[in-house]
Amino acid sequence: MNDPDDPIPTDLDGALAGATDVEVFDAGDRGCGELALELRMRIQKLPEYATLMLVTTDAGAPEDVPAWARLTGNVLLAAAPPRFLIERRLPENRSPDDRSPDDRL
């Protein structure tokens, strides 16, 4: 999980070098609420440690995406708006089969 006091890496190419099967989600200019819900649905379909590249032109994304990653326990590997590289993580002590529809955004 990202520490809010640590700077977020901006080298997407370097972060992508170790990633395989990166899924791309082009969210366009979707705003905070709609973006968070769609991102949640998409990332929950991925296996743990899978990588999602989010592309969004939403002006709030540089603040919202890191906060979303922290709140959900996923890892923001790199951010170079409009692109954000997120690694899927499961909540501690949970398997994909244990997920509840009430999991946090």
N, C-alpha and C. Protein backbone atom coordinates (compact mmCIF):
# COMPACT_ATOMS: atom_id res chain seq x y z
N MET A 1 0.85 -1.17 0.00
CA MET A 1 0.00 0.00 0.00
C MET A 1 0.89 1.23 0.00
N ASN A 2 0.43 2.29 -0.64
CA ASN A 2 1.20 3.52 -0.71
C ASN A 2 1.08 4.31 0.58
N ASP A 3 2.21 4.87 1.02
CA ASP A 3 2.23 5.78 2.17
C ASP A 3 1.96 7.17 1.62
N PRO A 4 0.98 7.90 2.19
CA PRO A 4 0.66 9.22 1.63
C PRO A 4 1.81 10.21 1.70
N ASP A 5 2.81 9.96 2.55
CA ASP A 5 3.95 10.86 2.65
C ASP A 5 5.06 10.55 1.66
N ASP A 6 5.01 9.38 1.04
CA ASP A 6 6.03 9.00 0.06
C ASP A 6 5.66 9.54 -1.32
N PRO A 7 6.64 10.05 -2.05
CA PRO A 7 6.33 10.50 -3.41
C PRO A 7 5.96 9.32 -4.30
N ILE A 8 5.04 9.55 -5.20
CA ILE A 8 4.60 8.51 -6.13
C ILE A 8 5.55 8.51 -7.32
N PRO A 9 6.11 7.35 -7.66
CA PRO A 9 7.00 7.31 -8.83
C PRO A 9 6.30 7.80 -10.08
N THR A 10 7.05 8.47 -10.94
CA THR A 10 6.48 8.99 -12.18
C THR A 10 7.00 8.25 -13.41
N ASP A 11 7.88 7.27 -13.22
CA ASP A 11 8.47 6.54 -14.34
C ASP A 11 7.57 5.37 -14.73
N LEU A 12 6.56 5.64 -15.54
CA LEU A 12 5.65 4.58 -15.98
C LEU A 12 6.36 3.53 -16.79
N ASP A 13 7.27 3.93 -17.67
CA ASP A 13 7.97 2.95 -18.50
C ASP A 13 8.79 2.00 -17.64
N GLY A 14 9.44 2.53 -16.61
CA GLY A 14 10.20 1.68 -15.71
C GLY A 14 9.30 0.73 -14.94
N ALA A 15 8.17 1.24 -14.47
CA ALA A 15 7.22 0.40 -13.74
C ALA A 15 6.60 -0.66 -14.64
N LEU A 16 6.39 -0.31 -15.90
CA LEU A 16 5.81 -1.27 -16.85
C LEU A 16 6.79 -2.36 -17.25
N ALA A 17 8.08 -2.10 -17.09
CA ALA A 17 9.09 -3.06 -17.53
C ALA A 17 8.92 -4.41 -16.86
N GLY A 18 8.52 -4.42 -15.60
CA GLY A 18 8.35 -5.68 -14.88
C GLY A 18 6.95 -6.24 -14.94
N ALA A 19 6.03 -5.52 -15.55
CA ALA A 19 4.63 -5.94 -15.59
C ALA A 19 4.35 -6.79 -16.82
N THR A 20 3.49 -7.77 -16.64
CA THR A 20 3.03 -8.58 -17.77
C THR A 20 1.51 -8.50 -17.81
N ASP A 21 0.95 -8.65 -18.97
CA ASP A 21 -0.51 -8.63 -19.14
C ASP A 21 -1.16 -7.42 -18.48
N VAL A 22 -0.73 -6.26 -18.88
CA VAL A 22 -1.28 -5.03 -18.34
C VAL A 22 -2.63 -4.75 -19.01
N GLU A 23 -3.66 -4.58 -18.21
CA GLU A 23 -4.97 -4.21 -18.74
C GLU A 23 -5.05 -2.69 -18.76
N VAL A 24 -5.61 -2.15 -19.83
CA VAL A 24 -5.73 -0.70 -19.96
C VAL A 24 -7.19 -0.31 -19.82
N PHE A 25 -7.45 0.68 -18.99
CA PHE A 25 -8.79 1.23 -18.81
C PHE A 25 -8.74 2.71 -19.16
N ASP A 26 -9.32 3.08 -20.31
CA ASP A 26 -9.38 4.48 -20.72
C ASP A 26 -10.69 5.05 -20.19
N ALA A 27 -10.58 5.82 -19.11
CA ALA A 27 -11.77 6.35 -18.44
C ALA A 27 -12.20 7.70 -18.99
N GLY A 28 -11.46 8.24 -19.95
CA GLY A 28 -11.82 9.53 -20.51
C GLY A 28 -11.84 10.61 -19.44
N ASP A 29 -12.93 11.38 -19.40
CA ASP A 29 -13.01 12.46 -18.42
C ASP A 29 -14.01 12.16 -17.30
N ARG A 30 -14.28 10.87 -17.05
CA ARG A 30 -15.20 10.50 -15.96
C ARG A 30 -14.73 11.17 -14.67
N GLY A 31 -15.68 11.67 -13.90
CA GLY A 31 -15.36 12.33 -12.63
C GLY A 31 -15.17 11.35 -11.50
N CYS A 32 -14.88 11.87 -10.35
CA CYS A 32 -14.50 11.12 -9.17
C CYS A 32 -15.41 9.93 -8.85
N GLY A 33 -16.70 10.17 -8.65
CA GLY A 33 -17.61 9.10 -8.26
C GLY A 33 -17.74 8.01 -9.31
N GLU A 34 -18.02 8.41 -10.53
CA GLU A 34 -18.17 7.46 -11.62
C GLU A 34 -16.86 6.71 -11.88
N LEU A 35 -15.76 7.44 -11.84
CA LEU A 35 -14.45 6.83 -12.05
C LEU A 35 -14.14 5.80 -10.96
N ALA A 36 -14.38 6.15 -9.70
CA ALA A 36 -14.09 5.23 -8.60
C ALA A 36 -14.90 3.95 -8.71
N LEU A 37 -16.18 4.06 -9.06
CA LEU A 37 -17.01 2.86 -9.18
C LEU A 37 -16.56 1.97 -10.33
N GLU A 38 -16.29 2.57 -11.49
CA GLU A 38 -15.86 1.79 -12.65
C GLU A 38 -14.49 1.16 -12.39
N LEU A 39 -13.61 1.91 -11.76
CA LEU A 39 -12.28 1.40 -11.44
C LEU A 39 -12.38 0.21 -10.48
N ARG A 40 -13.23 0.33 -9.49
CA ARG A 40 -13.45 -0.77 -8.54
C ARG A 40 -13.91 -2.03 -9.27
N MET A 41 -14.91 -1.89 -10.14
CA MET A 41 -15.43 -3.05 -10.86
C MET A 41 -14.36 -3.69 -11.74
N ARG A 42 -13.58 -2.87 -12.41
CA ARG A 42 -12.56 -3.40 -13.31
C ARG A 42 -11.42 -4.08 -12.56
N ILE A 43 -10.97 -3.47 -11.47
CA ILE A 43 -9.82 -4.03 -10.78
C ILE A 43 -10.19 -5.29 -10.01
N GLN A 44 -11.43 -5.38 -9.55
CA GLN A 44 -11.85 -6.59 -8.83
C GLN A 44 -11.90 -7.82 -9.72
N LYS A 45 -11.96 -7.63 -11.02
CA LYS A 45 -11.97 -8.76 -11.96
C LYS A 45 -10.57 -9.31 -12.19
N LEU A 46 -9.54 -8.56 -11.77
CA LEU A 46 -8.16 -8.96 -12.01
C LEU A 46 -7.64 -9.84 -10.88
N PRO A 47 -6.70 -10.74 -11.17
CA PRO A 47 -6.08 -11.51 -10.10
C PRO A 47 -5.13 -10.61 -9.29
N GLU A 48 -4.82 -11.05 -8.09
CA GLU A 48 -3.89 -10.29 -7.26
C GLU A 48 -2.55 -10.13 -7.97
N TYR A 49 -1.95 -8.97 -7.83
CA TYR A 49 -0.67 -8.56 -8.43
C TYR A 49 -0.77 -8.26 -9.92
N ALA A 50 -1.97 -8.34 -10.49
CA ALA A 50 -2.14 -7.93 -11.88
C ALA A 50 -2.04 -6.40 -11.95
N THR A 51 -1.74 -5.90 -13.13
CA THR A 51 -1.52 -4.47 -13.31
C THR A 51 -2.59 -3.87 -14.22
N LEU A 52 -3.08 -2.71 -13.79
CA LEU A 52 -4.07 -1.97 -14.57
C LEU A 52 -3.50 -0.59 -14.87
N MET A 53 -3.51 -0.21 -16.14
CA MET A 53 -3.14 1.16 -16.49
C MET A 53 -4.43 1.94 -16.70
N LEU A 54 -4.61 2.93 -15.83
CA LEU A 54 -5.75 3.82 -15.93
C LEU A 54 -5.33 5.06 -16.70
N VAL A 55 -6.12 5.41 -17.70
CA VAL A 55 -5.90 6.64 -18.46
C VAL A 55 -7.13 7.51 -18.23
N THR A 56 -6.92 8.69 -17.64
CA THR A 56 -8.04 9.58 -17.34
C THR A 56 -7.61 11.03 -17.47
N THR A 57 -8.49 11.82 -18.05
CA THR A 57 -8.21 13.25 -18.19
C THR A 57 -8.94 14.07 -17.13
N ASP A 58 -9.57 13.41 -16.16
CA ASP A 58 -10.26 14.11 -15.09
C ASP A 58 -9.26 14.97 -14.32
N ALA A 59 -9.59 16.25 -14.14
CA ALA A 59 -8.67 17.18 -13.47
C ALA A 59 -8.36 16.78 -12.03
N GLY A 60 -9.26 16.07 -11.37
CA GLY A 60 -9.04 15.67 -9.99
C GLY A 60 -8.27 14.37 -9.82
N ALA A 61 -8.01 13.67 -10.91
CA ALA A 61 -7.38 12.35 -10.83
C ALA A 61 -6.02 12.35 -10.13
N PRO A 62 -5.15 13.34 -10.32
CA PRO A 62 -3.86 13.30 -9.62
C PRO A 62 -4.00 13.26 -8.09
N GLU A 63 -5.10 13.76 -7.56
CA GLU A 63 -5.36 13.69 -6.12
C GLU A 63 -6.21 12.45 -5.80
N ASP A 64 -7.20 12.17 -6.62
CA ASP A 64 -8.17 11.12 -6.33
C ASP A 64 -7.61 9.71 -6.48
N VAL A 65 -6.83 9.45 -7.51
CA VAL A 65 -6.35 8.08 -7.76
C VAL A 65 -5.41 7.60 -6.65
N PRO A 66 -4.43 8.40 -6.20
CA PRO A 66 -3.61 7.94 -5.08
C PRO A 66 -4.43 7.67 -3.81
N ALA A 67 -5.41 8.53 -3.54
CA ALA A 67 -6.26 8.33 -2.36
C ALA A 67 -7.08 7.05 -2.51
N TRP A 68 -7.63 6.82 -3.70
CA TRP A 68 -8.40 5.61 -3.94
C TRP A 68 -7.53 4.37 -3.73
N ALA A 69 -6.32 4.40 -4.24
CA ALA A 69 -5.42 3.24 -4.09
C ALA A 69 -5.15 2.97 -2.60
N ARG A 70 -4.86 4.02 -1.83
CA ARG A 70 -4.61 3.84 -0.39
C ARG A 70 -5.83 3.27 0.31
N LEU A 71 -7.01 3.80 0.01
CA LEU A 71 -8.23 3.37 0.70
C LEU A 71 -8.60 1.93 0.37
N THR A 72 -8.28 1.48 -0.82
CA THR A 72 -8.67 0.14 -1.24
C THR A 72 -7.57 -0.90 -1.02
N GLY A 73 -6.38 -0.46 -0.63
CA GLY A 73 -5.29 -1.40 -0.40
C GLY A 73 -4.55 -1.81 -1.66
N ASN A 74 -4.88 -1.19 -2.79
CA ASN A 74 -4.15 -1.45 -4.03
C ASN A 74 -2.90 -0.58 -4.04
N VAL A 75 -1.97 -0.85 -4.94
CA VAL A 75 -0.70 -0.12 -4.97
C VAL A 75 -0.61 0.71 -6.25
N LEU A 76 -0.40 2.00 -6.07
CA LEU A 76 -0.15 2.89 -7.20
C LEU A 76 1.33 2.80 -7.52
N LEU A 77 1.66 2.07 -8.58
CA LEU A 77 3.06 1.83 -8.93
C LEU A 77 3.72 3.07 -9.51
N ALA A 78 2.97 3.83 -10.29
CA ALA A 78 3.51 5.04 -10.91
C ALA A 78 2.35 5.91 -11.38
N ALA A 79 2.62 7.21 -11.43
CA ALA A 79 1.61 8.15 -11.91
C ALA A 79 2.27 9.22 -12.75
N ALA A 80 1.84 9.34 -13.97
CA ALA A 80 2.28 10.39 -14.88
C ALA A 80 1.02 10.82 -15.63
N PRO A 81 0.17 11.63 -14.94
CA PRO A 81 -1.11 12.00 -15.55
C PRO A 81 -0.95 12.38 -17.01
N PRO A 82 -1.83 11.82 -17.82
CA PRO A 82 -3.11 11.18 -17.53
C PRO A 82 -3.03 9.67 -17.30
N ARG A 83 -1.84 9.11 -17.11
CA ARG A 83 -1.72 7.65 -16.94
C ARG A 83 -1.33 7.31 -15.50
N PHE A 84 -1.98 6.27 -14.97
CA PHE A 84 -1.73 5.79 -13.61
C PHE A 84 -1.61 4.27 -13.68
N LEU A 85 -0.57 3.72 -13.07
CA LEU A 85 -0.34 2.29 -13.09
C LEU A 85 -0.64 1.74 -11.69
N ILE A 86 -1.63 0.85 -11.62
CA ILE A 86 -2.13 0.34 -10.35
C ILE A 86 -1.95 -1.17 -10.29
N GLU A 87 -1.41 -1.66 -9.17
CA GLU A 87 -1.28 -3.10 -8.96
C GLU A 87 -2.40 -3.58 -8.05
N ARG A 88 -3.09 -4.60 -8.48
CA ARG A 88 -4.22 -5.18 -7.74
C ARG A 88 -3.72 -5.89 -6.51
N ARG A 89 -4.31 -5.60 -5.38
CA ARG A 89 -4.02 -6.31 -4.14
C ARG A 89 -5.34 -6.69 -3.49
N LEU A 90 -5.35 -7.83 -2.85
CA LEU A 90 -6.52 -8.25 -2.10
C LEU A 90 -6.38 -7.72 -0.68
N PRO A 91 -7.50 -7.43 -0.02
CA PRO A 91 -7.40 -7.06 1.39
C PRO A 91 -6.68 -8.17 2.15
N GLU A 92 -5.93 -7.80 3.18
CA GLU A 92 -5.18 -8.80 3.94
C GLU A 92 -6.09 -9.93 4.40
N ASN A 93 -5.55 -11.14 4.36
CA ASN A 93 -6.25 -12.34 4.83
C ASN A 93 -7.53 -12.63 4.06
N ARG A 94 -7.63 -12.22 2.82
CA ARG A 94 -8.83 -12.48 2.02
C ARG A 94 -8.41 -13.09 0.69
N SER A 95 -9.16 -14.03 0.23
CA SER A 95 -8.93 -14.60 -1.09
C SER A 95 -10.00 -14.03 -2.03
N PRO A 96 -9.83 -14.18 -3.34
CA PRO A 96 -10.84 -13.66 -4.27
C PRO A 96 -12.22 -14.23 -3.99
N ASP A 97 -12.30 -15.46 -3.49
CA ASP A 97 -13.60 -16.08 -3.22
C ASP A 97 -14.28 -15.51 -1.99
N ASP A 98 -13.51 -14.82 -1.13
CA ASP A 98 -14.06 -14.26 0.10
C ASP A 98 -14.61 -12.86 -0.08
N ARG A 99 -14.46 -12.28 -1.27
CA ARG A 99 -14.88 -10.90 -1.47
C ARG A 99 -16.38 -10.74 -1.25
N SER A 100 -16.71 -9.65 -0.65
CA SER A 100 -18.11 -9.32 -0.40
C SER A 100 -18.51 -8.21 -1.36
N PRO A 101 -19.77 -8.16 -1.75
CA PRO A 101 -20.20 -7.03 -2.60
C PRO A 101 -20.09 -5.71 -1.85
N ASP A 102 -19.91 -5.75 -0.55
CA ASP A 102 -19.82 -4.53 0.25
C ASP A 102 -18.39 -4.07 0.46
N ASP A 103 -17.40 -4.69 -0.23
CA ASP A 103 -16.02 -4.25 -0.09
C ASP A 103 -15.93 -2.76 -0.40
N ARG A 104 -14.99 -2.10 0.27
CA ARG A 104 -14.83 -0.66 0.04
C ARG A 104 -14.52 -0.37 -1.41
N LEU A 105 -14.80 0.88 -1.81
CA LEU A 105 -14.47 1.33 -3.16
C LEU A 105 -13.05 1.13 -3.39
